Each structure stands twice: as C-alpha cells, then as structure tokens.
C-alpha cells in the first residue's frame, strides 16, 4: 500500500513536470533528457500503482485515458512557441491540477482513504 501511495504521489508530481525551454542548446538538451527520464519514471510509477491499487479494469482504463489526454495536452503546451515561460508554467500547473482531480475521481472512497493514510504516515516519518 505504501508503494501505491508513493507511486500515486510520484505520478501526480511528474504528470506535468517540465522545465521551461531555453534557447541555449545545451540547456534545452538537458531539459529534454530530464523530461524523457521523468516520463519513463512516471510510466513505471503508473504501472506500479495500477498493480498495487487493486483498480478495476474500468478504473485502469479511465486512468490511462486521463494520462494519455494529459500527455497530449502537455506536448501541445510545450510545443506552443507563442507562450511565454510564465504562461507555459501556468498552463502546465493547471493541467497537472486537472489531471490529478480526474485521476482521483476514479478512485473509490476507500482507495482515497488508504492513499491519505499512507501519505500521512510517510509525512510523519519525515
């Protein structure tokens, strides 16, 4: 259960994790590498969450749909060259917020309760 909470927390934190793109090629390349690593870790975390959370097939399908839609929107935001860094970050923050809300809406009250208890337990240990 602890791993599920960590995976969900990681997922929420990395859903929209994106560094602002810069014109500096080295920085841009480093940012792209970080985003690829984050996406890979996020996918692994999502898979782990789905395995440990005892989600129903319908819950799994919905979570995957939300993740796919979120990724598409994230890519569109990042590829929109007309956005300032501030606007890009604001849109990504809102996207993360909405994605988290959508994913949490899939969970049962008991699953949410377990998540909160595990999160609190992890916070108390820190």
N, C-alpha and C. Protein backbone atom coordinates (compact mmCIF):
# COMPACT_ATOMS: atom_id res chain seq x y z
N UNK A 1 0.83 -1.18 0.00
CA UNK A 1 0.00 0.00 0.00
C UNK A 1 0.88 1.25 0.00
N UNK A 2 1.97 1.19 0.76
CA UNK A 2 2.88 2.32 0.83
C UNK A 2 3.44 2.64 -0.55
N UNK A 3 3.78 1.59 -1.27
CA UNK A 3 4.32 1.79 -2.62
C UNK A 3 3.28 2.41 -3.53
N UNK A 4 2.00 2.04 -3.32
CA UNK A 4 0.94 2.61 -4.14
C UNK A 4 0.85 4.11 -3.90
N UNK A 5 0.91 4.51 -2.66
CA UNK A 5 0.81 5.93 -2.34
C UNK A 5 2.00 6.68 -2.91
N UNK A 6 3.16 6.10 -2.77
CA UNK A 6 4.36 6.74 -3.31
C UNK A 6 4.25 6.85 -4.82
N UNK A 7 3.76 5.78 -5.45
CA UNK A 7 3.61 5.80 -6.91
C UNK A 7 2.60 6.86 -7.35
N UNK A 8 1.49 6.96 -6.62
CA UNK A 8 0.48 7.96 -6.97
C UNK A 8 1.03 9.36 -6.76
N UNK A 9 1.73 9.54 -5.64
CA UNK A 9 2.32 10.85 -5.38
C UNK A 9 3.34 11.20 -6.46
N UNK A 10 4.14 10.23 -6.82
CA UNK A 10 5.14 10.44 -7.87
C UNK A 10 4.46 10.78 -9.19
N UNK A 11 3.39 10.03 -9.47
CA UNK A 11 2.65 10.28 -10.69
C UNK A 11 2.13 11.70 -10.73
N UNK A 12 1.52 12.12 -9.65
CA UNK A 12 0.96 13.47 -9.60
C UNK A 12 2.06 14.52 -9.75
N UNK A 13 3.19 14.26 -9.13
CA UNK A 13 4.28 15.23 -9.21
C UNK A 13 4.93 15.28 -10.57
N UNK A 14 4.87 14.16 -11.30
CA UNK A 14 5.58 14.14 -12.57
C UNK A 14 4.68 14.27 -13.78
N UNK A 15 3.38 14.27 -13.55
CA UNK A 15 2.46 14.39 -14.67
C UNK A 15 2.83 15.57 -15.54
N UNK A 16 3.04 16.69 -14.90
CA UNK A 16 3.31 17.89 -15.69
C UNK A 16 4.70 18.43 -15.50
N UNK A 17 5.60 17.62 -14.91
CA UNK A 17 6.94 18.13 -14.64
C UNK A 17 7.64 18.48 -15.94
N UNK A 18 7.89 19.74 -16.13
CA UNK A 18 8.55 20.19 -17.35
C UNK A 18 9.40 21.40 -17.01
N UNK A 19 10.60 21.40 -17.49
CA UNK A 19 11.46 22.57 -17.34
C UNK A 19 11.16 23.52 -18.50
N UNK A 20 11.22 24.80 -18.25
CA UNK A 20 10.99 25.78 -19.31
C UNK A 20 12.07 25.62 -20.37
N UNK A 21 11.65 25.66 -21.63
CA UNK A 21 12.62 25.52 -22.71
C UNK A 21 13.40 26.81 -22.85
N UNK A 22 14.67 26.65 -23.15
CA UNK A 22 15.52 27.81 -23.35
C UNK A 22 16.11 27.77 -24.75
N UNK A 23 16.68 28.86 -25.14
CA UNK A 23 17.30 28.90 -26.46
C UNK A 23 18.69 28.30 -26.42
N UNK A 24 19.25 28.14 -25.26
CA UNK A 24 20.55 27.52 -25.10
C UNK A 24 20.45 26.04 -25.43
N UNK A 25 21.19 25.58 -26.44
CA UNK A 25 21.10 24.21 -26.91
C UNK A 25 21.44 23.21 -25.83
N UNK A 26 22.48 23.45 -25.07
CA UNK A 26 22.88 22.52 -24.01
C UNK A 26 21.78 22.42 -22.96
N UNK A 27 21.24 23.54 -22.56
CA UNK A 27 20.16 23.56 -21.57
C UNK A 27 18.93 22.86 -22.12
N UNK A 28 18.60 23.16 -23.35
CA UNK A 28 17.44 22.55 -23.97
C UNK A 28 17.60 21.03 -24.05
N UNK A 29 18.79 20.58 -24.41
CA UNK A 29 19.06 19.16 -24.49
C UNK A 29 18.95 18.50 -23.12
N UNK A 30 19.49 19.16 -22.11
CA UNK A 30 19.41 18.62 -20.74
C UNK A 30 17.96 18.55 -20.30
N UNK A 31 17.18 19.58 -20.62
CA UNK A 31 15.76 19.58 -20.26
C UNK A 31 15.02 18.44 -20.94
N UNK A 32 15.32 18.22 -22.22
CA UNK A 32 14.67 17.13 -22.94
C UNK A 32 15.01 15.78 -22.33
N UNK A 33 16.27 15.61 -21.93
CA UNK A 33 16.67 14.36 -21.29
C UNK A 33 15.94 14.18 -19.96
N UNK A 34 15.80 15.26 -19.19
CA UNK A 34 15.09 15.19 -17.92
C UNK A 34 13.63 14.82 -18.14
N UNK A 35 13.01 15.41 -19.16
CA UNK A 35 11.60 15.11 -19.44
C UNK A 35 11.44 13.65 -19.84
N UNK A 36 12.37 13.12 -20.65
CA UNK A 36 12.30 11.72 -21.05
C UNK A 36 12.42 10.81 -19.84
N UNK A 37 13.38 11.11 -18.95
CA UNK A 37 13.56 10.31 -17.74
C UNK A 37 12.31 10.40 -16.87
N UNK A 38 11.77 11.59 -16.72
CA UNK A 38 10.57 11.79 -15.90
C UNK A 38 9.40 11.01 -16.47
N UNK A 39 9.23 11.04 -17.78
CA UNK A 39 8.15 10.31 -18.42
C UNK A 39 8.31 8.82 -18.22
N UNK A 40 9.53 8.33 -18.35
CA UNK A 40 9.80 6.91 -18.15
C UNK A 40 9.48 6.51 -16.72
N UNK A 41 9.94 7.31 -15.75
CA UNK A 41 9.66 7.02 -14.36
C UNK A 41 8.17 7.11 -14.07
N UNK A 42 7.51 8.08 -14.67
CA UNK A 42 6.08 8.25 -14.47
C UNK A 42 5.32 7.04 -14.97
N UNK A 43 5.68 6.54 -16.13
CA UNK A 43 5.02 5.36 -16.67
C UNK A 43 5.24 4.16 -15.77
N UNK A 44 6.47 4.00 -15.25
CA UNK A 44 6.76 2.89 -14.34
C UNK A 44 5.96 3.06 -13.06
N UNK A 45 5.88 4.29 -12.55
CA UNK A 45 5.11 4.56 -11.34
C UNK A 45 3.64 4.29 -11.55
N UNK A 46 3.12 4.65 -12.71
CA UNK A 46 1.72 4.41 -13.01
C UNK A 46 1.44 2.92 -13.09
N UNK A 47 2.31 2.18 -13.75
CA UNK A 47 2.13 0.73 -13.84
C UNK A 47 2.13 0.12 -12.44
N UNK A 48 3.07 0.55 -11.61
CA UNK A 48 3.15 0.02 -10.24
C UNK A 48 1.88 0.36 -9.47
N UNK A 49 1.40 1.59 -9.62
CA UNK A 49 0.18 2.00 -8.93
C UNK A 49 -0.99 1.12 -9.36
N UNK A 50 -1.11 0.88 -10.64
CA UNK A 50 -2.22 0.08 -11.14
C UNK A 50 -2.15 -1.35 -10.63
N UNK A 51 -0.95 -1.87 -10.49
CA UNK A 51 -0.78 -3.23 -9.99
C UNK A 51 -1.12 -3.32 -8.50
N UNK A 52 -0.73 -2.34 -7.73
CA UNK A 52 -0.88 -2.39 -6.28
C UNK A 52 -2.21 -1.84 -5.77
N UNK A 53 -2.88 -1.03 -6.56
CA UNK A 53 -4.09 -0.34 -6.09
C UNK A 53 -5.35 -1.18 -6.21
N UNK A 54 -5.24 -2.35 -6.78
CA UNK A 54 -6.42 -3.20 -6.99
C UNK A 54 -7.52 -2.43 -7.72
N UNK A 55 -7.12 -1.71 -8.74
CA UNK A 55 -8.10 -0.99 -9.55
C UNK A 55 -8.88 -1.97 -10.41
N UNK A 56 -10.11 -1.63 -10.64
CA UNK A 56 -10.92 -2.45 -11.54
C UNK A 56 -10.45 -2.19 -12.97
N UNK A 57 -10.80 -3.05 -13.89
CA UNK A 57 -10.42 -2.79 -15.29
C UNK A 57 -10.95 -1.45 -15.78
N UNK A 58 -12.15 -1.07 -15.36
CA UNK A 58 -12.72 0.21 -15.76
C UNK A 58 -11.91 1.37 -15.19
N UNK A 59 -11.49 1.25 -13.92
CA UNK A 59 -10.66 2.29 -13.31
C UNK A 59 -9.33 2.41 -14.06
N UNK A 60 -8.72 1.29 -14.38
CA UNK A 60 -7.46 1.30 -15.11
C UNK A 60 -7.62 2.00 -16.45
N UNK A 61 -8.70 1.67 -17.15
CA UNK A 61 -8.94 2.26 -18.47
C UNK A 61 -9.09 3.78 -18.35
N UNK A 62 -9.85 4.22 -17.36
CA UNK A 62 -10.07 5.66 -17.19
C UNK A 62 -8.77 6.38 -16.84
N UNK A 63 -7.98 5.79 -15.95
CA UNK A 63 -6.71 6.41 -15.57
C UNK A 63 -5.81 6.54 -16.80
N UNK A 64 -5.75 5.49 -17.59
CA UNK A 64 -4.92 5.52 -18.79
C UNK A 64 -5.43 6.56 -19.79
N UNK A 65 -6.73 6.70 -19.92
CA UNK A 65 -7.30 7.73 -20.80
C UNK A 65 -6.91 9.12 -20.33
N UNK A 66 -7.00 9.36 -19.01
CA UNK A 66 -6.63 10.66 -18.46
C UNK A 66 -5.15 10.93 -18.68
N UNK A 67 -4.33 9.92 -18.48
CA UNK A 67 -2.89 10.09 -18.68
C UNK A 67 -2.57 10.41 -20.13
N UNK A 68 -3.20 9.70 -21.05
CA UNK A 68 -2.95 9.93 -22.48
C UNK A 68 -3.37 11.34 -22.88
N UNK A 69 -4.55 11.74 -22.45
CA UNK A 69 -5.05 13.08 -22.77
C UNK A 69 -4.14 14.14 -22.16
N UNK A 70 -3.69 13.91 -20.94
CA UNK A 70 -2.81 14.86 -20.27
C UNK A 70 -1.48 14.99 -21.03
N UNK A 71 -0.95 13.88 -21.46
CA UNK A 71 0.32 13.90 -22.20
C UNK A 71 0.17 14.67 -23.51
N UNK A 72 -0.94 14.46 -24.20
CA UNK A 72 -1.17 15.17 -25.45
C UNK A 72 -1.27 16.68 -25.21
N UNK A 73 -1.99 17.07 -24.16
CA UNK A 73 -2.12 18.49 -23.84
C UNK A 73 -0.79 19.08 -23.40
N UNK A 74 -0.03 18.31 -22.63
CA UNK A 74 1.30 18.77 -22.18
C UNK A 74 2.20 19.02 -23.39
N UNK A 75 2.19 18.09 -24.33
CA UNK A 75 3.01 18.26 -25.54
C UNK A 75 2.58 19.50 -26.32
N UNK A 76 1.27 19.71 -26.43
CA UNK A 76 0.78 20.88 -27.16
C UNK A 76 1.23 22.18 -26.47
N UNK A 77 1.16 22.20 -25.16
CA UNK A 77 1.59 23.39 -24.41
C UNK A 77 3.09 23.62 -24.62
N UNK A 78 3.87 22.56 -24.50
CA UNK A 78 5.32 22.70 -24.64
C UNK A 78 5.74 23.08 -26.06
N UNK A 79 4.96 22.67 -27.04
CA UNK A 79 5.31 22.98 -28.43
C UNK A 79 4.75 24.31 -28.91
N UNK A 80 3.96 24.96 -28.06
CA UNK A 80 3.39 26.26 -28.42
C UNK A 80 4.44 27.34 -28.19
N UNK A 81 5.08 27.74 -29.25
CA UNK A 81 6.18 28.72 -29.16
C UNK A 81 5.70 30.12 -28.85
N UNK A 82 4.40 30.37 -28.98
CA UNK A 82 3.88 31.71 -28.71
C UNK A 82 3.69 31.97 -27.21
N UNK A 83 3.79 30.93 -26.39
CA UNK A 83 3.61 31.10 -24.94
C UNK A 83 4.90 31.58 -24.28
N UNK A 84 4.75 32.50 -23.36
CA UNK A 84 5.90 32.89 -22.54
C UNK A 84 6.16 31.77 -21.54
N UNK A 85 7.33 31.78 -20.92
CA UNK A 85 7.64 30.76 -19.91
C UNK A 85 6.63 30.80 -18.78
N UNK A 86 6.24 32.00 -18.39
CA UNK A 86 5.28 32.15 -17.30
C UNK A 86 3.93 31.56 -17.68
N UNK A 87 3.46 31.85 -18.89
CA UNK A 87 2.18 31.31 -19.35
C UNK A 87 2.26 29.79 -19.48
N UNK A 88 3.38 29.30 -20.01
CA UNK A 88 3.57 27.85 -20.17
C UNK A 88 3.50 27.17 -18.81
N UNK A 89 4.21 27.70 -17.83
CA UNK A 89 4.21 27.11 -16.49
C UNK A 89 2.82 27.16 -15.87
N UNK A 90 2.10 28.25 -16.07
CA UNK A 90 0.74 28.39 -15.52
C UNK A 90 -0.19 27.35 -16.15
N UNK A 91 -0.08 27.17 -17.46
CA UNK A 91 -0.93 26.19 -18.13
C UNK A 91 -0.58 24.77 -17.71
N UNK A 92 0.71 24.49 -17.55
CA UNK A 92 1.12 23.16 -17.10
C UNK A 92 0.65 22.89 -15.67
N UNK A 93 0.71 23.91 -14.83
CA UNK A 93 0.25 23.77 -13.44
C UNK A 93 -1.24 23.44 -13.42
N UNK A 94 -2.01 24.15 -14.22
CA UNK A 94 -3.45 23.90 -14.30
C UNK A 94 -3.73 22.51 -14.85
N UNK A 95 -2.96 22.09 -15.84
CA UNK A 95 -3.12 20.76 -16.42
C UNK A 95 -2.85 19.68 -15.37
N UNK A 96 -1.78 19.84 -14.59
CA UNK A 96 -1.46 18.88 -13.52
C UNK A 96 -2.60 18.81 -12.51
N UNK A 97 -3.13 19.98 -12.14
CA UNK A 97 -4.22 20.06 -11.18
C UNK A 97 -5.44 19.31 -11.70
N UNK A 98 -5.80 19.54 -12.95
CA UNK A 98 -6.96 18.89 -13.55
C UNK A 98 -6.74 17.39 -13.69
N UNK A 99 -5.55 16.98 -14.08
CA UNK A 99 -5.26 15.56 -14.24
C UNK A 99 -5.35 14.85 -12.90
N UNK A 100 -4.81 15.47 -11.86
CA UNK A 100 -4.88 14.88 -10.52
C UNK A 100 -6.33 14.73 -10.10
N UNK A 101 -7.13 15.76 -10.33
CA UNK A 101 -8.56 15.73 -9.99
C UNK A 101 -9.25 14.58 -10.74
N UNK A 102 -8.95 14.45 -12.02
CA UNK A 102 -9.57 13.40 -12.82
C UNK A 102 -9.18 12.01 -12.33
N UNK A 103 -7.91 11.82 -12.04
CA UNK A 103 -7.45 10.50 -11.59
C UNK A 103 -8.05 10.17 -10.23
N UNK A 104 -8.08 11.15 -9.33
CA UNK A 104 -8.67 10.91 -8.01
C UNK A 104 -10.16 10.59 -8.11
N UNK A 105 -10.82 11.14 -9.12
CA UNK A 105 -12.26 10.89 -9.28
C UNK A 105 -12.55 9.43 -9.62
N UNK A 106 -11.54 8.73 -10.09
CA UNK A 106 -11.70 7.33 -10.47
C UNK A 106 -11.64 6.42 -9.24
N UNK A 107 -10.94 6.86 -8.21
CA UNK A 107 -10.75 6.03 -7.03
C UNK A 107 -12.00 5.97 -6.17
N UNK A 108 -12.15 4.84 -5.49
CA UNK A 108 -13.26 4.70 -4.54
C UNK A 108 -12.91 5.48 -3.27
N UNK A 109 -13.91 5.77 -2.44
CA UNK A 109 -13.61 6.44 -1.17
C UNK A 109 -12.59 5.66 -0.33
N UNK A 110 -12.68 4.34 -0.35
CA UNK A 110 -11.74 3.52 0.42
C UNK A 110 -10.32 3.66 -0.13
N UNK A 111 -10.18 3.66 -1.45
CA UNK A 111 -8.85 3.83 -2.05
C UNK A 111 -8.28 5.20 -1.72
N UNK A 112 -9.12 6.22 -1.77
CA UNK A 112 -8.68 7.57 -1.41
C UNK A 112 -8.26 7.64 0.04
N UNK A 113 -9.04 7.00 0.91
CA UNK A 113 -8.74 6.99 2.35
C UNK A 113 -7.39 6.32 2.60
N UNK A 114 -7.17 5.19 1.96
CA UNK A 114 -5.90 4.48 2.11
C UNK A 114 -4.74 5.35 1.63
N UNK A 115 -4.94 6.04 0.52
CA UNK A 115 -3.90 6.93 0.00
C UNK A 115 -3.55 8.01 1.00
N UNK A 116 -4.58 8.64 1.56
CA UNK A 116 -4.37 9.72 2.51
C UNK A 116 -3.67 9.22 3.77
N UNK A 117 -4.07 8.04 4.25
CA UNK A 117 -3.44 7.46 5.44
C UNK A 117 -1.96 7.17 5.17
N UNK A 118 -1.68 6.60 4.03
CA UNK A 118 -0.29 6.30 3.68
C UNK A 118 0.52 7.58 3.51
N UNK A 119 -0.08 8.57 2.88
CA UNK A 119 0.61 9.85 2.69
C UNK A 119 0.92 10.47 4.04
N UNK A 120 -0.07 10.44 4.96
CA UNK A 120 0.15 10.99 6.30
C UNK A 120 1.23 10.21 7.03
N UNK A 121 1.20 8.89 6.88
CA UNK A 121 2.21 8.05 7.52
C UNK A 121 3.60 8.37 7.01
N UNK A 122 3.71 8.59 5.71
CA UNK A 122 5.01 8.94 5.12
C UNK A 122 5.45 10.32 5.58
N UNK A 123 4.51 11.25 5.72
CA UNK A 123 4.83 12.60 6.19
C UNK A 123 5.32 12.56 7.63
N UNK A 124 4.66 11.74 8.47
CA UNK A 124 5.04 11.64 9.87
C UNK A 124 6.45 11.07 10.03
N UNK A 125 6.85 10.20 9.13
CA UNK A 125 8.18 9.58 9.20
C UNK A 125 9.28 10.54 8.81
N UNK A 126 8.94 11.58 8.05
CA UNK A 126 9.95 12.53 7.56
C UNK A 126 10.46 13.42 8.65
